Amino acid sequence: MLESAIESLPLMQYIIGMKGEPTKADMMQYLTCWLCKGVYRDAHTINECMCTYCKGCIYKYFTENATRYKCPSCHSELGGKPLEYVVRDQILQNIVDSLIPDFKERDDKLKSILLKRLNEKRIQKGTYKPPVSIQKQTQSVNNTTTTENTLSQNSSGKQNVNIVDIEFKLVPLNDEDVNLRMPELPKKLKISQKNKTILTVKKHINKLIQEAIDNIEILCKNFPVADSHSLEYIRKTKWQNNSKTMVLQYKRKRKIVGNNRQDI
């Protein structure tokens, strides 16, 4: 039954009845969608009458008008749910892809250009809604970079438009005295403006783990740095490393009482 159905296809009838090898020009007339008059894009065949169309064309034809229940070209009756008879035709699509190897690539490129233009118009009209996957990805990126960008904000709370140009990370210093050790930050700080000071970094640590600012000590290569030092100054004078990411350490200070230092 399957063989007889395949043989009933116009293309197969042409190949069976012809003499010699079929030419590309001869075969293309049997690989053209009746609705859009172009070569098949994701060929789909109605298994009741074996007429083939582009998937987008035949789905649009039946969904635009619920009263359509016949094949658009041969008018075969398909009942109240015609799309149930529409199935993917990989054989014909493979023939198209073999005859026009770059067709799919060009078609995908054209779709991308058209979609971009359509989205630009939607953005102008205020009707654009990004796909759910992009919304989730954007939300994830925003959550990750919120902490990183906090140090790039000025005192008024508005983000500075200047380009951030210092990349660094904060790691807890494993001091021999366990009382001086501090927990890891829930979110790593990575980027800030080069003129931001160590005091700004301390304030941010304070917000993340509620450690008093006066109790926090920042170090670079195990050497303490002053609150007034900028990140750029530390990078040039203390870090002096070709590595792009500067590493700063943090721990609790020791409190000096007389000639003795005590844990805070």
Protein backbone atom coordinates (compact mmCIF):
# COMPACT_ATOMS: atom_id res chain seq x y z
CA MET A 1 0.00 0.00 0.00
CA LEU A 2 2.85 2.36 0.87
CA GLU A 3 4.62 1.61 -2.40
CA SER A 4 1.47 2.32 -4.41
CA ALA A 5 0.99 5.58 -2.50
CA ILE A 6 4.55 6.67 -3.24
CA GLU A 7 4.19 5.72 -6.89
CA SER A 8 1.09 7.90 -7.09
CA LEU A 9 3.16 11.01 -6.39
CA PRO A 10 3.51 13.21 -9.52
CA LEU A 11 7.29 13.24 -9.18
CA MET A 12 7.49 9.46 -8.91
CA GLN A 13 5.16 8.99 -11.87
CA TYR A 14 7.41 11.29 -13.87
CA ILE A 15 10.58 9.41 -12.89
CA ILE A 16 9.03 5.98 -13.55
CA GLY A 17 7.72 6.96 -16.98
CA MET A 18 10.71 8.93 -18.21
CA LYS A 19 13.64 7.76 -20.25
CA GLY A 20 17.16 8.61 -19.16
CA GLU A 21 18.28 10.64 -16.17
CA PRO A 22 15.94 13.44 -14.97
CA THR A 23 17.35 16.95 -15.19
CA LYS A 24 17.17 19.49 -12.40
CA ALA A 25 14.91 21.76 -14.44
CA ASP A 26 12.53 18.89 -15.21
CA MET A 27 12.24 17.87 -11.56
CA MET A 28 11.80 21.35 -10.09
CA GLN A 29 8.26 21.64 -11.44
CA TYR A 30 7.32 18.71 -9.20
CA LEU A 31 8.98 20.25 -6.16
CA THR A 32 7.00 23.49 -6.15
CA CYS A 33 4.36 24.38 -3.57
CA TRP A 34 0.97 24.99 -5.18
CA LEU A 35 0.16 27.73 -2.65
CA CYS A 36 3.30 29.90 -2.61
CA LYS A 37 4.71 28.81 -6.00
CA GLY A 38 8.14 28.34 -4.45
CA VAL A 39 10.16 25.19 -3.80
CA TYR A 40 9.15 23.24 -0.73
CA ARG A 41 10.15 24.64 2.65
CA ASP A 42 9.69 21.78 5.13
CA ALA A 43 7.55 19.70 2.77
CA HIS A 44 4.29 18.32 4.20
CA THR A 45 1.95 15.97 2.34
CA ILE A 46 -1.79 15.33 2.76
CA ASN A 47 -1.86 11.55 3.09
CA GLU A 48 -5.40 11.27 1.69
CA CYS A 49 -4.58 12.73 -1.73
CA MET A 50 -0.74 12.87 -1.65
CA CYS A 51 -0.65 16.59 -2.51
CA THR A 52 2.37 18.34 -1.02
CA TYR A 53 2.87 21.88 0.26
CA CYS A 54 5.22 23.87 2.45
CA LYS A 55 4.36 23.31 6.10
CA GLY A 56 3.80 27.01 6.72
CA CYS A 57 1.61 27.35 3.63
CA ILE A 58 -0.74 24.44 4.31
CA TYR A 59 -1.06 25.21 8.03
CA LYS A 60 -1.84 28.84 7.27
CA TYR A 61 -4.37 27.81 4.61
CA PHE A 62 -6.42 25.69 7.02
CA THR A 63 -6.03 27.80 10.18
CA GLU A 64 -6.95 31.14 8.56
CA ASN A 65 -10.40 29.82 7.68
CA ALA A 66 -12.02 27.13 9.80
CA THR A 67 -14.51 26.32 7.02
CA ARG A 68 -11.78 25.03 4.72
CA TYR A 69 -11.85 21.24 4.74
CA LYS A 70 -10.68 20.36 1.22
CA CYS A 71 -7.24 20.04 -0.34
CA PRO A 72 -6.52 23.42 -1.95
CA SER A 73 -5.33 21.95 -5.25
CA CYS A 74 -7.30 18.72 -5.85
CA HIS A 75 -10.26 19.55 -3.55
CA SER A 76 -10.33 16.14 -1.87
CA GLU A 77 -12.63 16.05 1.16
CA LEU A 78 -10.65 15.95 4.42
CA GLY A 79 -13.40 16.20 7.03
CA GLY A 80 -13.67 18.63 9.92
CA LYS A 81 -10.01 18.34 11.01
CA PRO A 82 -7.96 18.51 7.81
CA LEU A 83 -4.63 19.09 9.57
CA GLU A 84 -4.82 15.58 11.00
CA TYR A 85 -4.09 14.33 7.47
CA VAL A 86 -1.04 16.56 6.98
CA VAL A 87 2.28 14.78 7.63
CA ARG A 88 5.93 15.67 7.14
CA ASP A 89 7.39 14.47 3.83
CA GLN A 90 11.10 14.02 4.46
CA ILE A 91 11.68 12.22 1.15
CA LEU A 92 10.62 15.18 -0.98
CA GLN A 93 12.43 17.63 1.28
CA ASN A 94 15.64 15.60 0.94
CA ILE A 95 15.28 15.78 -2.85
CA VAL A 96 14.92 19.57 -2.65
CA ASP A 97 17.96 19.83 -0.38
CA SER A 98 20.05 17.67 -2.72
CA LEU A 99 19.05 19.63 -5.83
CA ILE A 100 19.57 23.01 -4.14
CA PRO A 101 22.21 22.39 -1.42
CA ASP A 102 22.37 26.01 -0.26
CA PHE A 103 18.61 26.61 -0.37
CA LYS A 104 18.02 25.92 3.33
CA GLU A 105 20.93 28.13 4.36
CA ARG A 106 19.71 31.00 2.17
CA ASP A 107 16.14 30.47 3.33
CA ASP A 108 17.14 30.51 7.02
CA LYS A 109 19.17 33.68 6.43
CA LEU A 110 16.21 35.35 4.75
CA LYS A 111 13.91 34.32 7.59
CA SER A 112 16.36 35.79 10.09
CA ILE A 113 16.45 39.11 8.22
CA LEU A 114 12.67 39.27 7.91
CA LEU A 115 12.18 38.38 11.58
CA LYS A 116 14.65 41.07 12.61
CA ARG A 117 12.80 43.69 10.56
CA LEU A 118 9.47 42.53 11.94
CA ASN A 119 10.73 42.75 15.53
CA GLU A 120 12.11 46.24 14.86
CA LYS A 121 8.65 47.35 13.74
CA ARG A 122 7.10 45.72 16.80
CA ILE A 123 9.57 47.50 19.07
CA GLN A 124 8.68 50.83 17.47
CA LYS A 125 4.98 50.12 18.03
CA GLY A 126 5.62 48.86 21.56
CA THR A 127 4.13 45.43 20.83
CA TYR A 128 7.34 43.37 20.86
CA LYS A 129 7.51 40.52 23.36
CA PRO A 130 10.73 38.46 23.43
CA PRO A 131 10.39 34.65 23.46
CA VAL A 132 10.11 33.02 26.89
CA SER A 133 13.59 31.46 26.56
CA ILE A 134 15.15 34.89 25.93
CA GLN A 135 13.20 36.41 28.84
CA LYS A 136 14.52 33.74 31.22
CA GLN A 137 18.06 34.13 29.90
CA THR A 138 17.90 37.92 30.26
CA GLN A 139 16.52 37.62 33.78
CA SER A 140 19.31 35.22 34.73
CA VAL A 141 21.98 37.54 33.33
CA ASN A 142 20.45 40.52 35.12
CA ASN A 143 20.42 38.66 38.45
CA THR A 144 24.05 37.64 38.01
CA THR A 145 25.32 41.08 37.07
CA THR A 146 23.33 43.10 39.62
CA THR A 147 25.99 42.67 42.29
CA GLU A 148 28.82 43.11 39.83
CA ASN A 149 27.45 46.44 38.67
CA THR A 150 26.67 47.80 42.14
CA LEU A 151 30.19 49.13 42.57
CA SER A 152 29.79 50.96 39.25
CA GLN A 153 27.02 53.14 40.62
CA ASN A 154 27.62 56.62 41.96
CA SER A 155 26.50 57.93 45.32
CA SER A 156 23.13 59.08 43.96
CA GLY A 157 22.25 55.50 43.04
CA LYS A 158 22.30 56.15 39.29
CA GLN A 159 24.55 53.98 37.19
CA ASN A 160 27.52 55.79 35.76
CA VAL A 161 27.65 55.70 31.98
CA ASN A 162 31.45 55.52 31.97
CA ILE A 163 32.91 52.20 30.91
CA VAL A 164 33.95 50.01 33.84
CA ASP A 165 37.51 48.90 33.44
CA ILE A 166 38.66 47.05 36.53
CA GLU A 167 37.96 43.35 36.83
CA PHE A 168 38.59 41.73 40.18
CA LYS A 169 37.31 39.16 42.61
CA LEU A 170 37.13 38.94 46.39
CA VAL A 171 38.18 35.80 48.23
CA PRO A 172 38.26 35.16 51.99
CA LEU A 173 41.75 34.90 53.49
CA ASN A 174 42.32 31.62 55.30
CA ASP A 175 44.06 33.12 58.30
CA GLU A 176 45.69 30.78 60.81
CA ASP A 177 43.38 32.27 63.43
CA VAL A 178 39.93 30.88 62.64
CA ASN A 179 38.31 33.82 64.46
CA LEU A 180 39.62 36.14 61.76
CA ARG A 181 38.21 34.13 58.90
CA MET A 182 35.10 35.37 57.13
CA PRO A 183 32.57 33.48 55.01
CA GLU A 184 32.56 33.53 51.25
CA LEU A 185 30.38 36.14 49.63
CA PRO A 186 27.06 34.91 48.24
CA LYS A 187 27.82 36.76 45.01
CA LYS A 188 31.23 37.52 43.60
CA LEU A 189 32.13 41.09 42.79
CA LYS A 190 33.91 41.31 39.48
CA ILE A 191 33.74 44.71 37.84
CA SER A 192 33.97 48.29 39.02
CA GLN A 193 35.28 51.67 37.98
CA LYS A 194 38.97 52.15 38.48
CA ASN A 195 38.51 55.17 40.76
CA LYS A 196 36.40 53.31 43.34
CA THR A 197 38.10 52.95 46.71
CA ILE A 198 38.60 50.07 49.10
CA LEU A 199 36.10 51.69 51.44
CA THR A 200 33.45 51.21 48.75
CA VAL A 201 34.37 47.54 48.55
CA LYS A 202 34.05 47.21 52.33
CA LYS A 203 30.60 48.79 52.26
CA HIS A 204 29.52 46.26 49.70
CA ILE A 205 30.83 43.36 51.76
CA ASN A 206 28.95 44.81 54.72
CA LYS A 207 25.70 44.69 52.74
CA LEU A 208 26.26 41.10 51.67
CA ILE A 209 27.27 39.45 54.96
CA GLN A 210 26.38 42.12 57.56
CA GLU A 211 29.94 42.40 58.88
CA ALA A 212 30.75 45.80 60.41
CA ILE A 213 32.82 47.93 58.05
CA ASP A 214 35.38 48.72 60.75
CA ASN A 215 35.91 44.99 61.30
CA ILE A 216 36.78 44.27 57.66
CA GLU A 217 40.35 44.27 56.38
CA ILE A 218 41.14 44.13 52.66
CA LEU A 219 44.45 42.73 51.44
CA CYS A 220 46.27 42.32 48.16
CA LYS A 221 48.80 39.50 48.03
CA ASN A 222 48.45 39.18 51.83
CA PHE A 223 49.34 42.86 52.40
CA PRO A 224 46.68 45.20 53.86
CA VAL A 225 45.52 48.11 51.71
CA ALA A 226 44.18 51.46 52.91
CA ASP A 227 40.53 52.45 52.66
CA SER A 228 41.46 55.50 50.59
CA HIS A 229 43.34 53.51 47.94
CA SER A 230 41.59 53.20 44.61
CA LEU A 231 41.32 49.92 42.74
CA GLU A 232 43.47 51.32 39.95
CA TYR A 233 46.19 52.36 42.41
CA ILE A 234 46.23 48.90 43.99
CA ARG A 235 46.37 47.23 40.61
CA LYS A 236 49.42 49.27 39.58
CA THR A 237 51.32 49.28 42.88
CA LYS A 238 50.32 46.10 44.71
CA TRP A 239 48.93 43.65 42.19
CA GLN A 240 51.44 44.23 39.36
CA ASN A 241 50.31 41.14 37.55
CA ASN A 242 49.58 40.59 33.89
CA SER A 243 46.48 38.64 34.81
CA LYS A 244 43.36 40.53 33.82
CA THR A 245 41.51 39.69 37.03
CA MET A 246 42.91 41.22 40.20
CA VAL A 247 42.44 39.18 43.39
CA LEU A 248 41.67 40.93 46.66
CA GLN A 249 41.42 39.15 50.00
CA TYR A 250 39.33 40.00 53.02
CA LYS A 251 39.28 38.99 56.70
CA ARG A 252 38.44 40.35 60.14
CA LYS A 253 40.78 42.88 61.70
CA ARG A 254 42.66 42.37 64.93
CA LYS A 255 41.91 44.93 67.61
CA ILE A 256 44.97 46.54 69.18
CA VAL A 257 44.76 46.94 72.97
CA GLY A 258 47.93 48.45 74.41
CA ASN A 259 50.80 46.42 73.01
CA ASN A 260 48.61 43.40 72.30
CA ARG A 261 46.35 42.69 69.33
CA GLN A 262 43.05 41.00 70.07
CA ASP A 263 40.39 39.57 67.80
CA ILE A 264 37.48 41.88 67.23
